[in-house]
C-alpha atoms as a PDB file:
ATOM      1  CA  UNK A   1      36.731 -39.353  19.709  1.00  0.00           C
ATOM      2  CA  UNK A   2      33.917 -41.355  21.203  1.00  0.00           C
ATOM      3  CA  UNK A   3      31.263 -42.414  18.590  1.00  0.00           C
ATOM      4  CA  UNK A   4      28.477 -41.174  20.865  1.00  0.00           C
ATOM      5  CA  UNK A   5      30.027 -37.707  21.013  1.00  0.00           C
ATOM      6  CA  UNK A   6      30.498 -37.716  17.221  1.00  0.00           C
ATOM      7  CA  UNK A   7      26.851 -38.658  16.696  1.00  0.00           C
ATOM      8  CA  UNK A   8      25.735 -35.931  19.105  1.00  0.00           C
ATOM      9  CA  UNK A   9      27.871 -33.329  17.328  1.00  0.00           C
ATOM     10  CA  UNK A  10      26.570 -34.366  13.906  1.00  0.00           C
ATOM     11  CA  UNK A  11      22.992 -34.250  15.190  1.00  0.00           C
ATOM     12  CA  UNK A  12      23.515 -30.833  16.771  1.00  0.00           C
ATOM     13  CA  UNK A  13      25.120 -29.371  13.646  1.00  0.00           C
ATOM     14  CA  UNK A  14      22.331 -30.803  11.494  1.00  0.00           C
ATOM     15  CA  UNK A  15      19.698 -29.288  13.796  1.00  0.00           C
ATOM     16  CA  UNK A  16      21.375 -25.891  13.685  1.00  0.00           C
ATOM     17  CA  UNK A  17      21.543 -25.987   9.866  1.00  0.00           C
ATOM     18  CA  UNK A  18      17.860 -26.969   9.618  1.00  0.00           C
ATOM     19  CA  UNK A  19      16.865 -24.147  11.977  1.00  0.00           C
ATOM     20  CA  UNK A  20      18.906 -21.605  10.016  1.00  0.00           C
ATOM     21  CA  UNK A  21      17.338 -22.748   6.742  1.00  0.00           C
ATOM     22  CA  UNK A  22      13.881 -22.486   8.294  1.00  0.00           C
ATOM     23  CA  UNK A  23      14.540 -18.948   9.529  1.00  0.00           C
ATOM     24  CA  UNK A  24      15.937 -17.959   6.131  1.00  0.00           C
ATOM     25  CA  UNK A  25      12.854 -19.393   4.406  1.00  0.00           C
ATOM     26  CA  UNK A  26      10.481 -17.546   6.771  1.00  0.00           C
ATOM     27  CA  UNK A  27      12.358 -14.292   6.256  1.00  0.00           C
ATOM     28  CA  UNK A  28      12.228 -14.659   2.476  1.00  0.00           C
ATOM     29  CA  UNK A  29       8.504 -15.446   2.592  1.00  0.00           C
ATOM     30  CA  UNK A  30       7.834 -12.480   4.877  1.00  0.00           C
ATOM     31  CA  UNK A  31       9.704 -10.102   2.565  1.00  0.00           C
ATOM     32  CA  UNK A  32       7.765 -11.403  -0.434  1.00  0.00           C
ATOM     33  CA  UNK A  33       4.454 -10.929   1.380  1.00  0.00           C
ATOM     34  CA  UNK A  34       5.455  -7.407   2.441  1.00  0.00           C
ATOM     35  CA  UNK A  35       6.381  -6.503  -1.123  1.00  0.00           C
ATOM     36  CA  UNK A  36       3.021  -7.788  -2.380  1.00  0.00           C
ATOM     37  CA  UNK A  37       1.179  -5.858   0.346  1.00  0.00           C
ATOM     38  CA  UNK A  38       3.108  -2.685  -0.488  1.00  0.00           C
ATOM     39  CA  UNK A  39       2.238  -3.090  -4.168  1.00  0.00           C
ATOM     40  CA  UNK A  40      -1.469  -3.436  -3.306  1.00  0.00           C
ATOM     41  CA  UNK A  41      -1.318  -0.358  -1.078  1.00  0.00           C
ATOM     42  CA  UNK A  42       0.432   1.649  -3.800  1.00  0.00           C
ATOM     43  CA  UNK A  43      -2.291   0.671  -6.282  1.00  0.00           C
ATOM     44  CA  UNK A  44      -5.013   1.683  -3.811  1.00  0.00           C
ATOM     45  CA  UNK A  45      -3.331   5.016  -3.098  1.00  0.00           C
ATOM     46  CA  UNK A  46      -3.025   5.717  -6.810  1.00  0.00           C
ATOM     47  CA  UNK A  47      -6.724   4.929  -7.274  1.00  0.00           C
ATOM     48  CA  UNK A  48      -7.672   7.204  -4.379  1.00  0.00           C
ATOM     49  CA  UNK A  49      -5.482   9.957  -5.831  1.00  0.00           C
ATOM     50  CA  UNK A  50      -7.268   9.704  -9.185  1.00  0.00           C
ATOM     51  CA  UNK A  51     -10.677   9.854  -7.488  1.00  0.00           C
ATOM     52  CA  UNK A  52      -9.576  12.872  -5.470  1.00  0.00           C
ATOM     53  CA  UNK A  53      -8.400  14.657  -8.612  1.00  0.00           C
ATOM     54  CA  UNK A  54     -11.753  13.935 -10.264  1.00  0.00           C
ATOM     55  CA  UNK A  55     -13.604  15.217  -7.197  1.00  0.00           C
ATOM     56  CA  UNK A  56     -11.537  18.399  -7.178  1.00  0.00           C
ATOM     57  CA  UNK A  57     -12.391  19.040 -10.829  1.00  0.00           C
ATOM     58  CA  UNK A  58     -16.108  18.757  -9.989  1.00  0.00           C
ATOM     59  CA  UNK A  59     -15.624  21.097  -7.063  1.00  0.00           C
ATOM     60  CA  UNK A  60     -14.035  23.681  -9.375  1.00  0.00           C
ATOM     61  CA  UNK A  61     -16.888  23.311 -11.869  1.00  0.00           C
ATOM     62  CA  UNK A  62     -19.533  23.769  -9.164  1.00  0.00           C
ATOM     63  CA  UNK A  63     -17.771  26.912  -7.942  1.00  0.00           C
ATOM     64  CA  UNK A  64     -17.875  28.287 -11.480  1.00  0.00           C
ATOM     65  CA  UNK A  65     -21.562  27.381 -11.844  1.00  0.00           C
ATOM     66  CA  UNK A  66     -22.364  29.130  -8.552  1.00  0.00           C
ATOM     67  CA  UNK A  67     -20.592  32.278  -9.747  1.00  0.00           C
ATOM     68  CA  UNK A  68     -22.537  32.205 -13.007  1.00  0.00           C
ATOM     69  CA  UNK A  69     -25.836  31.755 -11.146  1.00  0.00           C
ATOM     70  CA  UNK A  70     -25.016  34.666  -8.864  1.00  0.00           C
ATOM     71  CA  UNK A  71     -24.272  36.812 -11.903  1.00  0.00           C
ATOM     72  CA  UNK A  72     -27.546  35.778 -13.586  1.00  0.00           C
ATOM     73  CA  UNK A  73     -29.531  36.434 -10.379  1.00  0.00           C
ATOM     74  CA  UNK A  74     -27.961  39.846 -10.124  1.00  0.00           C
ATOM     75  CA  UNK A  75     -28.911  40.613 -13.714  1.00  0.00           C
ATOM     76  CA  UNK A  76     -32.480  39.370 -13.194  1.00  0.00           C
ATOM     77  CA  UNK A  77     -32.929  41.335  -9.969  1.00  0.00           C
ATOM     78  CA  UNK A  78     -31.565  44.534 -11.499  1.00  0.00           C
ATOM     79  CA  UNK A  79     -33.980  44.146 -14.423  1.00  0.00           C
ATOM     80  CA  UNK A  80     -31.388  44.061 -17.185  1.00  0.00           C
END
């Protein structure tokens, strides 16, 4: 085989291998970044869920307070 053809084949194969390694590296990096982003989003959602639960507890308490005030108003207006 002609040495020029051999050199061209070796160069082409080397280029293909380098490209494949680069794509593999980018894919691995992208997956790592996605996993980190998903972890941050999960933490934020958990925090929002806790705040929502706390808010709902306050909402329940306010509803109870309003019922008690209505009862007291009724008692005061009826003169008891």
